[in-house]
Protein backbone atom coordinates (compact mmCIF):
# COMPACT_ATOMS: atom_id res chain seq x y z
CA MET A 1 103.89 15.55 86.20
CA LEU A 2 100.86 18.25 84.89
CA ALA A 3 103.55 20.42 83.85
CA VAL A 4 105.17 18.05 81.34
CA PHE A 5 102.11 16.84 80.05
CA GLU A 6 101.35 20.75 79.76
CA VAL A 7 104.86 21.06 77.98
CA ARG A 8 104.35 18.28 75.23
CA LEU A 9 101.22 18.65 74.95
CA LEU A 10 102.24 22.57 73.66
CA ASP A 11 105.17 21.01 71.33
CA LEU A 12 102.81 18.60 70.25
CA LEU A 13 99.84 22.41 69.20
CA SER A 14 103.69 24.28 67.92
CA LEU A 15 104.40 21.57 65.78
CA TYR A 16 100.96 21.32 64.63
CA GLU A 17 100.97 24.34 63.22
CA ARG A 18 104.16 24.30 61.96
CA GLN A 19 102.03 21.26 59.75
CA GLN A 20 99.65 23.01 59.01
CA ARG A 21 101.62 26.19 57.33
CA LYS A 22 103.80 23.87 55.43
CA ILE A 23 99.77 22.44 54.22
CA GLU A 24 99.22 25.94 52.68
CA GLU A 25 102.61 26.42 51.59
CA LEU A 26 102.39 23.61 49.11
CA THR A 27 99.25 23.72 48.71
CA ALA A 28 99.55 27.05 47.75
CA GLN A 29 102.09 25.65 44.74
CA ILE A 30 100.52 22.62 43.56
CA LYS A 31 97.72 25.27 42.62
CA THR A 32 100.47 28.04 40.54
CA GLY A 33 102.20 24.52 38.92
CA GLU A 34 97.64 23.71 37.64
CA ASP A 35 97.27 26.94 36.45
CA SER A 36 101.18 27.05 34.91
CA LEU A 37 100.68 23.38 33.54
CA GLN A 38 97.33 24.66 32.06
CA GLN A 39 97.98 27.91 30.99
CA THR A 40 101.70 26.13 29.04
CA LYS A 41 99.17 23.49 27.91
CA GLN A 42 96.29 25.88 26.18
CA ASN A 43 99.28 27.39 24.48
CA ASN A 44 101.22 24.25 23.53
CA GLN A 45 97.12 23.33 22.24
CA SER A 46 97.07 27.42 20.48
CA LEU A 47 100.73 26.40 18.61
CA ASN A 48 99.72 23.34 17.28
CA ALA A 49 97.15 24.79 15.73
CA LYS A 50 98.99 27.73 14.24
CA TYR A 51 101.31 24.48 12.86
CA SER A 52 98.36 22.78 11.05
CA LYS A 53 96.84 25.89 10.18
CA LEU A 54 100.90 26.78 8.45
CA LEU A 55 100.96 23.08 6.74
CA THR A 56 98.23 23.96 4.84
CA ALA A 57 99.04 27.38 4.06
CA HIS A 58 102.69 26.26 2.37
CA ILE A 59 100.58 22.88 0.84
CA LEU A 60 97.99 24.63 -1.24
CA THR A 61 100.28 27.63 -1.90
CA SER A 62 102.59 25.63 -2.79
CA GLU A 63 104.31 25.48 -6.54
CA GLU A 64 103.61 22.75 -9.52
CA GLY A 65 107.87 22.91 -10.15
CA GLU A 66 108.27 23.12 -5.93
CA VAL A 67 107.17 19.56 -5.36
CA LYS A 68 107.94 19.00 -8.77
CA SER A 69 111.72 19.83 -7.60
CA ALA A 70 110.90 18.07 -3.80
CA ARG A 71 110.52 14.85 -5.71
CA MET A 72 113.82 15.00 -8.14
CA ARG A 73 115.96 15.99 -4.31
CA LEU A 74 113.92 13.09 -3.06
CA ASN A 75 113.80 10.36 -6.04
CA LYS A 76 118.16 11.17 -5.98
CA LEU A 77 118.14 10.71 -2.70
CA VAL A 78 117.01 7.53 -2.94
CA ARG A 79 118.96 6.51 -5.53
CA GLU A 80 122.53 7.57 -3.26
CA VAL A 81 120.85 5.45 -0.51
CA GLU A 82 120.53 1.90 -2.66
CA LYS A 83 123.59 2.70 -4.40
CA CYS A 84 125.16 2.35 -0.37
CA ILE A 85 123.34 -0.28 0.09
CA ALA A 86 124.76 -1.53 -3.60
CA LEU A 87 128.15 -1.30 -2.23
CA LEU A 88 127.98 -2.19 1.11
CA ASN A 89 126.64 -5.77 -0.05
CA GLY A 90 128.26 -5.96 -3.14
C-alpha cells in the first residue's frame, strides 16, 4: 500500500510540475500579447496624431477655388439625389 501511495504521489508531483510549466508558458504568452497590444496602441495614437495634423494642414492650405469646387460637386450630388427621390415618389 505504501508503494502505491508513493507511485501516486510521484504522479501527482509530475502533474504539478507540468502544470507549473504550462502556467509559466501561458504567463509569458500573456506578457508578450500585452506588450504587443501596448505597442499597437502607441502606434495607433501616433498615427491618429499625424492624421489630425495632416488634416489640419490640408484645411489651412486649401485654396478658395478648391473649396468652391468641392461645394459645387456636393451641390450637384445633392441635386441628383433629390431628382432620384422625386422619380421614386412620382
